[in-house]
Amino acid sequence: MSPRRLQKHHRFMVSYSLLLLRGLRKPVFTYLTTLSFTTILVCSAGIFFFESAQNPAINNLFNALYYSVTVMTGVGLGDIAPVTIAGKVLSMAMMLLGTAIFVCFTASLASILVDLERKNPDLLD
């Protein structure tokens, strides 16, 4: 790659990244981030409430938080599993909520990228 072409590429990447970061300041991202953290904290408290008496793997709030994050992000390592019916039902709800929130983040990011490319066609040349 020629130095001139490389310089143009770097200029494009910096411009595109800065415009993308500006787009991430939209209220929808603040809302989704707040929703994500709130949901994780509420579900952690719920899992701790339902599981702590019967599940030795969830014996403190940190373990409940760890479990909630792994379930809601879709990682689900399997090192902690609910043993109560209420814990299993809450876990299923967490899986659905985590997927829904992730889809909303992805759709919002795609929308910002499409708007960015539509408003700045010179960046793609």
Foldseek 3Di string as FASTA:
>chain_A
DDPVVVVLVVVLVVVLVVLLVVLCPDVVNVVLVVVVVVLLLVQLVQLCVPACVPFVQNVDSVSSSVCLVCLLCVNCPPPGDGDDPSNVVSSVVSNVVSVVSVVSVVVSSVVSSVVVCVVCVVSVD
